[in-house]
Amino acid sequence: MSERLQLRKARRLVIKIGSALLTNDGKGLDVAALGLWVDQIAELIADGVEVVVVSSGSVAEGMSRLGWSARPQHLHELQAAAAVGQMGLVQTWEAQFKRHDIHTAQILLTHDDLSDRKRYLNGRSTLRTLLDFGVVPIVNENDTVVTDEIRFGDNDTLGALVANLIEADGLIILTDQLGLFNKDPRKHDDAQLVTERKAEDRDLDAMAGGGAGALGRGGMLTKLRAARLAARSGAFTVIVGGRIEHAIARLRQGDVIGTLLLPEQGRMAARKQWIASHLQTRGTLSLDEGAVKVLRQGGRSLLPVGVKSIAGQFRRGEMVSCVDPEGKEVARGLVNYNADEARAIAGRSSDRIAEVLGYVSDEEMIHRDNLVVV
């Protein structure tokens, strides 16, 4: 119960609302329900809480407007549906918040926006400035231009990344389920709600099995993964039924509804938080056992001598994954050399870099300040 008090103390929250809720299971935008969520968010803001809304629903709303009963399979059709639906989605959010004299702002993101350090910092600055002005940012993935190669995969993940981006205290995921159960409640009458766990508890993986509904891309497993991603910046996550009456207000009061997933530790340094939040890597460095041991001890840089082989093409400063001899990821970071240079110096001591390349950019393949053990 005491951990639920975190929700009362939170001063900055990301609230993600799924497609099934926003569109009443595909029947078009549920304006009445959306208005009730806005009423509760307005109460949070009046209480001094900064709120960012991550809103699904553009594709589903577009499908409804276009008269499509099934989610299209072709990318260009999804993009068209998103473009049509985004109009109604944003207008509805704006109109509902206007009842409370609260301004809103539309923020459309792609993975590239958070993969590039400069654009990441620009995005964070914009969001923080909007919050300083008392504006509620309405964030969605830019489905009109996004491709499979650069998409987040689901808005649960986007919500977690936004929580990382603005260093939120917590992420609230409103869904069409009451929370995470120890068994599938649709198949087991004795299924029990998991009220509180650590986000990294691996026993939760089996409980979260199952896919998304017809309208969305994320199932309970993606919500669990999102909670773990949010936890990397010290944020808690609540997965809760959006159709529960006054769900947001009740969470704020400390009521035990939904599933509270807690971080293991406090916030990372901002730069390492950004690295840990990266989902898209440009290449892979295979390490020997000695290098793996050194990295796991913490606080150490990766030297060329510990790298056995290189896969992929990448430029200096891009994100790469570091794997052990069995291929399991142990770390990721921003590499100091491009792929061809890295291949040339892999396995060699740092004092031979100049001999091999004719110059030395850095003694380390990845400096410890740009590296996160995963």
Protein backbone atom coordinates (compact mmCIF):
# COMPACT_ATOMS: atom_id res chain seq x y z
CA MET A 1 0.00 0.00 0.00
CA SER A 2 2.82 2.42 0.87
CA GLU A 3 4.24 2.18 -2.66
CA ARG A 4 0.90 3.45 -3.98
CA LEU A 5 1.69 6.75 -2.30
CA GLN A 6 4.17 7.36 -5.13
CA LEU A 7 1.20 8.21 -7.31
CA ARG A 8 0.12 10.91 -4.88
CA LYS A 9 3.58 12.45 -4.85
CA ALA A 10 4.17 12.31 -8.61
CA ARG A 11 4.68 15.75 -10.16
CA ARG A 12 5.12 14.68 -13.79
CA LEU A 13 3.19 11.88 -15.48
CA VAL A 14 2.84 10.33 -18.91
CA ILE A 15 -0.64 8.94 -19.55
CA LYS A 16 -1.03 6.56 -22.49
CA ILE A 17 -4.52 5.66 -23.74
CA GLY A 18 -5.05 2.75 -26.12
CA SER A 19 -6.97 2.58 -29.40
CA ALA A 20 -9.69 0.24 -28.13
CA LEU A 21 -10.59 2.73 -25.39
CA LEU A 22 -10.39 5.87 -27.48
CA THR A 23 -12.46 4.44 -30.33
CA ASN A 24 -14.88 2.33 -28.27
CA ASP A 25 -13.52 -0.86 -29.85
CA GLY A 26 -13.46 0.61 -33.35
CA LYS A 27 -16.83 2.38 -33.43
CA GLY A 28 -15.28 5.83 -33.84
CA LEU A 29 -13.87 8.22 -31.27
CA ASP A 30 -15.60 7.83 -27.91
CA VAL A 31 -15.90 11.55 -27.18
CA ALA A 32 -17.75 11.05 -23.91
CA ALA A 33 -15.09 8.71 -22.49
CA LEU A 34 -12.29 10.95 -23.72
CA GLY A 35 -13.96 13.87 -21.99
CA LEU A 36 -14.02 11.99 -18.69
CA TRP A 37 -10.29 11.28 -18.92
CA VAL A 38 -9.68 14.93 -19.69
CA ASP A 39 -11.69 15.92 -16.60
CA GLN A 40 -9.43 13.75 -14.45
CA ILE A 41 -6.26 15.03 -16.11
CA ALA A 42 -7.46 18.58 -15.52
CA GLU A 43 -7.75 17.73 -11.82
CA LEU A 44 -4.14 16.52 -11.84
CA ILE A 45 -3.01 19.74 -13.49
CA ALA A 46 -4.93 21.81 -10.94
CA ASP A 47 -3.03 19.85 -8.28
CA GLY A 48 0.29 20.92 -9.79
CA VAL A 49 1.00 17.78 -11.86
CA GLU A 50 2.53 18.10 -15.34
CA VAL A 51 0.93 15.68 -17.80
CA VAL A 52 1.88 14.41 -21.25
CA VAL A 53 -0.76 12.36 -23.06
CA VAL A 54 0.34 9.61 -25.45
CA SER A 55 -2.70 9.01 -27.60
CA SER A 56 -3.33 6.04 -29.80
CA GLY A 57 -6.30 6.05 -32.13
CA SER A 58 -5.30 7.86 -35.32
CA VAL A 59 -5.36 4.72 -37.48
CA ALA A 60 -8.49 3.38 -35.80
CA GLU A 61 -10.28 6.73 -36.18
CA GLY A 62 -9.20 6.91 -39.81
CA MET A 63 -10.55 3.41 -40.40
CA SER A 64 -13.88 4.47 -38.92
CA ARG A 65 -14.04 7.63 -41.05
CA LEU A 66 -13.15 5.70 -44.19
CA GLY A 67 -15.62 2.90 -43.42
CA TRP A 68 -12.98 0.17 -43.10
CA SER A 69 -13.89 -2.74 -40.81
CA ALA A 70 -10.46 -4.46 -40.81
CA ARG A 71 -7.04 -2.96 -40.13
CA PRO A 72 -5.26 -2.63 -43.51
CA GLN A 73 -2.12 -4.64 -44.15
CA HIS A 74 -0.41 -2.36 -46.65
CA LEU A 75 1.80 0.39 -45.25
CA HIS A 76 0.47 3.12 -47.55
CA GLU A 77 -3.10 2.33 -46.47
CA LEU A 78 -2.15 2.52 -42.80
CA GLN A 79 -0.46 5.85 -43.44
CA ALA A 80 -3.55 7.16 -45.22
CA ALA A 81 -5.81 6.03 -42.38
CA ALA A 82 -3.51 7.71 -39.86
CA ALA A 83 -3.55 10.97 -41.83
CA VAL A 84 -7.35 11.02 -41.92
CA GLY A 85 -7.77 9.92 -38.32
CA GLN A 86 -5.24 12.32 -36.87
CA MET A 87 -7.48 15.25 -37.83
CA GLY A 88 -10.38 14.06 -35.71
CA LEU A 89 -8.20 12.81 -32.89
CA VAL A 90 -6.39 16.09 -32.29
CA GLN A 91 -9.53 18.20 -32.73
CA THR A 92 -11.30 16.13 -30.10
CA TRP A 93 -8.46 16.39 -27.58
CA GLU A 94 -8.27 20.14 -28.13
CA ALA A 95 -12.01 20.65 -27.72
CA GLN A 96 -12.17 18.61 -24.51
CA PHE A 97 -9.23 20.37 -22.84
CA LYS A 98 -10.59 23.75 -23.95
CA ARG A 99 -13.53 23.17 -21.57
CA HIS A 100 -10.97 23.53 -18.77
CA ASP A 101 -9.11 26.45 -20.41
CA ILE A 102 -6.09 24.19 -20.97
CA HIS A 103 -4.07 24.49 -24.15
CA THR A 104 -2.84 21.43 -26.03
CA ALA A 105 -0.04 20.81 -28.52
CA GLN A 106 0.37 18.07 -31.10
CA ILE A 107 3.69 16.20 -31.06
CA LEU A 108 4.30 13.53 -33.73
CA LEU A 109 7.42 11.41 -33.29
CA THR A 110 9.31 8.71 -35.16
CA HIS A 111 12.07 6.50 -33.82
CA ASP A 112 14.65 8.60 -35.65
CA ASP A 113 13.60 11.61 -33.59
CA LEU A 114 14.77 9.85 -30.44
CA SER A 115 17.69 7.98 -32.02
CA ASP A 116 19.54 11.15 -32.97
CA ARG A 117 21.07 12.85 -29.93
CA LYS A 118 20.46 16.38 -31.22
CA ARG A 119 16.84 15.73 -32.16
CA TYR A 120 16.33 13.89 -28.85
CA LEU A 121 17.50 16.95 -26.92
CA ASN A 122 15.40 19.26 -29.09
CA GLY A 123 12.33 17.10 -28.47
CA ARG A 124 12.95 17.08 -24.73
CA SER A 125 13.39 20.86 -24.71
CA THR A 126 10.13 21.36 -26.61
CA LEU A 127 8.14 19.08 -24.32
CA ARG A 128 9.56 20.63 -21.17
CA THR A 129 8.85 24.13 -22.45
CA LEU A 130 5.25 23.20 -23.23
CA LEU A 131 4.86 21.79 -19.71
CA ASP A 132 6.36 24.97 -18.26
CA PHE A 133 3.65 26.93 -20.09
CA GLY A 134 0.91 24.68 -18.70
CA VAL A 135 0.25 23.09 -22.08
CA VAL A 136 -0.68 19.40 -22.39
CA PRO A 137 1.32 17.77 -25.22
CA ILE A 138 -0.65 15.16 -27.15
CA VAL A 139 1.96 12.71 -28.45
CA ASN A 140 1.50 10.07 -31.10
CA GLU A 141 3.74 8.13 -33.43
CA ASN A 142 3.93 9.81 -36.83
CA ASP A 143 2.13 6.98 -38.60
CA THR A 144 1.71 9.02 -41.77
CA VAL A 145 5.42 8.78 -42.64
CA VAL A 146 6.77 6.01 -40.42
CA THR A 147 8.02 2.71 -41.88
CA ASP A 148 8.43 -0.70 -40.29
CA GLU A 149 12.16 -0.09 -40.04
CA ILE A 150 11.81 3.02 -37.86
CA ARG A 151 8.52 2.52 -36.00
CA PHE A 152 8.40 2.19 -32.23
CA GLY A 153 6.19 -0.88 -32.60
CA ASP A 154 3.40 0.29 -30.31
CA ASN A 155 2.38 3.32 -28.29
CA ASP A 156 3.18 1.56 -25.00
CA THR A 157 6.83 1.71 -26.00
CA LEU A 158 6.40 5.30 -27.16
CA GLY A 159 4.88 6.17 -23.78
CA ALA A 160 7.87 4.68 -21.97
CA LEU A 161 10.33 6.54 -24.18
CA VAL A 162 8.49 9.80 -23.58
CA ALA A 163 8.64 9.09 -19.83
CA ASN A 164 12.41 8.66 -20.24
CA LEU A 165 12.61 11.77 -22.39
CA ILE A 166 10.98 14.14 -19.89
CA GLU A 167 12.18 12.27 -16.78
CA ALA A 168 8.61 11.61 -15.65
CA ASP A 169 7.84 10.17 -12.23
CA GLY A 170 5.47 7.64 -13.69
CA LEU A 171 3.73 6.15 -16.72
CA ILE A 172 0.02 5.30 -16.57
CA ILE A 173 -1.15 2.93 -19.30
CA LEU A 174 -4.93 2.95 -19.68
CA THR A 175 -6.05 -0.23 -21.41
CA ASP A 176 -9.15 -2.32 -22.02
CA GLN A 177 -7.97 -4.84 -19.41
CA LEU A 178 -8.15 -4.32 -15.64
CA GLY A 179 -4.41 -4.89 -15.35
CA LEU A 180 -1.97 -7.79 -15.45
CA PHE A 181 -3.35 -11.11 -14.19
CA ASN A 182 -1.45 -14.20 -13.08
CA LYS A 183 -3.49 -16.16 -15.67
CA ASP A 184 -5.53 -15.24 -18.71
CA PRO A 185 -8.83 -14.08 -17.12
CA ARG A 186 -10.67 -14.91 -20.35
CA LYS A 187 -9.81 -18.59 -19.88
CA HIS A 188 -9.41 -19.00 -16.10
CA ASP A 189 -12.11 -18.04 -13.61
CA ASP A 190 -9.57 -18.15 -10.77
CA ALA A 191 -7.23 -15.61 -12.40
CA GLN A 192 -6.03 -13.01 -9.91
CA LEU A 193 -4.94 -9.44 -10.54
CA VAL A 194 -1.25 -8.76 -9.93
CA THR A 195 -1.45 -5.58 -7.88
CA GLU A 196 2.23 -4.77 -7.37
CA ARG A 197 5.60 -6.14 -8.52
CA LYS A 198 9.04 -5.00 -9.54
CA ALA A 199 9.08 -4.30 -13.27
CA GLU A 200 12.09 -6.58 -13.76
CA ASP A 201 10.41 -9.58 -12.10
CA ARG A 202 10.88 -12.29 -14.76
CA ASP A 203 7.95 -14.32 -13.39
CA LEU A 204 5.71 -11.71 -15.02
CA ASP A 205 6.74 -12.72 -18.55
CA ALA A 206 4.62 -15.87 -18.60
CA MET A 207 1.66 -13.97 -17.14
CA ALA A 208 1.86 -11.31 -19.86
CA GLY A 209 1.65 -13.69 -22.82
CA GLY A 210 -0.83 -12.92 -25.56
CA GLY A 211 -1.20 -10.48 -28.39
CA ALA A 212 -2.94 -7.22 -29.14
CA GLY A 213 -6.50 -6.67 -30.20
CA ALA A 214 -7.65 -5.97 -33.74
CA LEU A 215 -7.13 -2.21 -33.45
CA GLY A 216 -3.80 -1.89 -31.67
CA ARG A 217 -0.28 -3.23 -32.05
CA GLY A 218 0.52 -3.84 -28.39
CA GLY A 219 -0.57 -6.60 -26.04
CA MET A 220 0.10 -7.08 -22.32
CA LEU A 221 3.65 -8.22 -23.04
CA THR A 222 4.44 -4.90 -24.74
CA LYS A 223 3.07 -3.10 -21.70
CA LEU A 224 5.39 -5.10 -19.46
CA ARG A 225 8.33 -4.30 -21.72
CA ALA A 226 7.33 -0.65 -21.68
CA ALA A 227 7.27 -0.71 -17.87
CA ARG A 228 10.82 -2.08 -17.86
CA LEU A 229 11.91 0.62 -20.27
CA ALA A 230 10.31 3.34 -18.12
CA ALA A 231 11.94 1.83 -15.04
CA ARG A 232 15.38 2.51 -16.54
CA SER A 233 14.83 6.19 -15.78
CA GLY A 234 13.37 5.47 -12.34
CA ALA A 235 9.71 5.79 -13.38
CA PHE A 236 6.96 3.55 -12.07
CA THR A 237 4.27 2.19 -14.41
CA VAL A 238 0.61 1.45 -13.73
CA ILE A 239 -1.35 -0.75 -16.12
CA VAL A 240 -5.01 -0.12 -15.38
CA GLY A 241 -8.44 -0.49 -16.92
CA GLY A 242 -9.42 2.73 -18.63
CA ARG A 243 -13.11 1.93 -18.27
CA ILE A 244 -12.86 1.83 -14.48
CA GLU A 245 -14.84 4.82 -13.25
CA HIS A 246 -12.50 7.68 -12.24
CA ALA A 247 -9.49 5.41 -12.75
CA ILE A 248 -6.91 8.21 -12.90
CA ALA A 249 -8.36 10.03 -9.90
CA ARG A 250 -8.52 6.80 -7.89
CA LEU A 251 -4.89 6.01 -8.66
CA ARG A 252 -3.96 9.48 -7.47
CA GLN A 253 -5.80 8.78 -4.22
CA GLY A 254 -3.79 5.58 -3.71
CA ASP A 255 -6.58 3.10 -4.47
CA VAL A 256 -5.36 -0.39 -5.28
CA ILE A 257 -6.57 -0.76 -8.84
CA GLY A 258 -4.55 -1.97 -11.80
CA THR A 259 -0.99 -3.31 -11.68
CA LEU A 260 1.80 -1.15 -10.25
CA LEU A 261 5.25 -2.01 -11.63
CA LEU A 262 8.12 -0.45 -9.74
CA PRO A 263 11.70 0.38 -10.81
CA GLU A 264 14.63 -1.36 -9.17
CA GLN A 265 16.67 1.82 -8.84
CA GLY A 266 16.66 5.59 -9.23
CA ARG A 267 17.27 7.70 -12.28
CA MET A 268 20.27 7.24 -14.53
CA ALA A 269 22.37 10.15 -15.70
CA ALA A 270 20.54 11.81 -18.59
CA ARG A 271 23.05 10.74 -21.23
CA LYS A 272 23.09 7.11 -20.14
CA GLN A 273 19.31 7.17 -19.89
CA TRP A 274 19.17 8.16 -23.56
CA ILE A 275 21.54 5.35 -24.49
CA ALA A 276 19.57 2.79 -22.48
CA SER A 277 16.34 3.95 -24.13
CA HIS A 278 17.67 3.34 -27.64
CA LEU A 279 15.90 0.48 -29.37
CA GLN A 280 17.54 0.80 -32.78
CA THR A 281 21.21 -0.13 -33.10
CA ARG A 282 23.36 0.23 -36.21
CA GLY A 283 25.76 -2.65 -35.69
CA THR A 284 27.05 -5.34 -33.34
CA LEU A 285 30.38 -5.81 -31.61
CA SER A 286 31.13 -9.39 -30.53
CA LEU A 287 33.29 -9.39 -27.40
CA ASP A 288 35.59 -11.92 -25.78
CA GLU A 289 34.99 -13.19 -22.27
CA GLY A 290 37.54 -10.81 -20.78
CA ALA A 291 35.82 -7.76 -22.19
CA VAL A 292 32.41 -9.01 -21.08
CA LYS A 293 33.72 -9.46 -17.53
CA VAL A 294 35.24 -5.99 -17.50
CA LEU A 295 32.01 -4.34 -18.70
CA ARG A 296 29.86 -6.19 -16.19
CA GLN A 297 32.08 -4.93 -13.39
CA GLY A 298 30.85 -1.47 -14.30
CA GLY A 299 32.50 1.87 -14.81
CA ARG A 300 34.89 0.64 -17.51
CA SER A 301 35.34 1.56 -21.17
CA LEU A 302 35.39 -0.94 -24.02
CA LEU A 303 38.82 -1.16 -25.63
CA PRO A 304 39.49 -2.48 -29.16
CA VAL A 305 41.47 -5.41 -27.80
CA GLY A 306 38.30 -6.98 -26.35
CA VAL A 307 36.39 -6.93 -29.64
CA LYS A 308 36.47 -10.16 -31.67
CA SER A 309 34.34 -9.23 -34.68
CA ILE A 310 32.10 -6.51 -36.14
CA ALA A 311 28.71 -6.83 -37.85
CA GLY A 312 26.78 -4.12 -39.68
CA GLN A 313 27.62 -0.71 -41.05
CA PHE A 314 27.72 2.31 -38.76
CA ARG A 315 29.30 5.72 -38.46
CA ARG A 316 31.28 7.22 -35.61
CA GLY A 317 28.91 8.23 -32.80
CA GLU A 318 26.14 5.80 -33.73
CA MET A 319 24.59 3.21 -31.45
CA VAL A 320 25.98 -0.34 -31.45
CA SER A 321 25.14 -3.45 -29.45
CA CYS A 322 27.83 -5.40 -27.59
CA VAL A 323 27.26 -9.15 -27.29
CA ASP A 324 29.02 -11.96 -25.46
CA PRO A 325 30.43 -15.09 -27.20
CA GLU A 326 26.94 -16.67 -27.07
CA GLY A 327 25.39 -13.68 -28.82
CA LYS A 328 23.59 -12.27 -25.77
CA GLU A 329 23.57 -8.50 -25.49
CA VAL A 330 25.59 -7.25 -22.53
CA ALA A 331 25.88 -3.53 -23.31
CA ARG A 332 25.19 -0.85 -25.87
CA GLY A 333 26.83 2.46 -26.53
CA LEU A 334 28.04 5.14 -28.92
CA VAL A 335 31.02 3.88 -30.88
CA ASN A 336 34.12 6.03 -31.46
CA TYR A 337 34.98 4.57 -34.89
CA ASN A 338 33.02 3.73 -38.02
CA ALA A 339 32.50 0.11 -39.02
CA ASP A 340 35.52 -0.16 -41.33
CA GLU A 341 37.82 1.44 -38.78
CA ALA A 342 36.42 -0.75 -36.01
CA ARG A 343 37.08 -3.88 -38.05
CA ALA A 344 40.66 -2.78 -38.67
CA ILE A 345 41.49 -2.24 -34.99
CA ALA A 346 39.34 -5.02 -33.45
CA GLY A 347 41.42 -7.31 -31.25
CA ARG A 348 44.36 -4.91 -31.16
CA SER A 349 45.76 -2.97 -28.22
CA SER A 350 45.02 0.75 -28.13
CA ASP A 351 48.67 1.69 -28.64
CA ARG A 352 48.51 0.12 -32.13
CA ILE A 353 45.55 2.18 -33.40
CA ALA A 354 47.82 4.81 -34.97
CA GLU A 355 49.91 2.12 -36.63
CA VAL A 356 46.83 0.51 -38.19
CA LEU A 357 44.75 3.59 -39.08
CA GLY A 358 47.41 6.25 -39.31
CA TYR A 359 45.64 8.33 -36.67
CA VAL A 360 43.97 7.96 -33.28
CA SER A 361 40.49 9.35 -32.63
CA ASP A 362 40.14 7.73 -29.21
CA GLU A 363 41.89 4.99 -27.28
CA GLU A 364 38.53 3.38 -26.48
CA MET A 365 36.15 1.68 -28.88
CA ILE A 366 33.34 2.95 -26.62
CA HIS A 367 34.01 5.32 -23.73
CA ARG A 368 32.44 4.43 -20.41
CA ASP A 369 30.44 7.69 -20.41
CA ASN A 370 28.73 6.57 -23.61
CA LEU A 371 28.12 2.96 -22.60
CA VAL A 372 25.34 1.26 -20.64
CA VAL A 373 25.41 -2.33 -19.41
CA VAL A 374 22.04 -3.99 -20.07
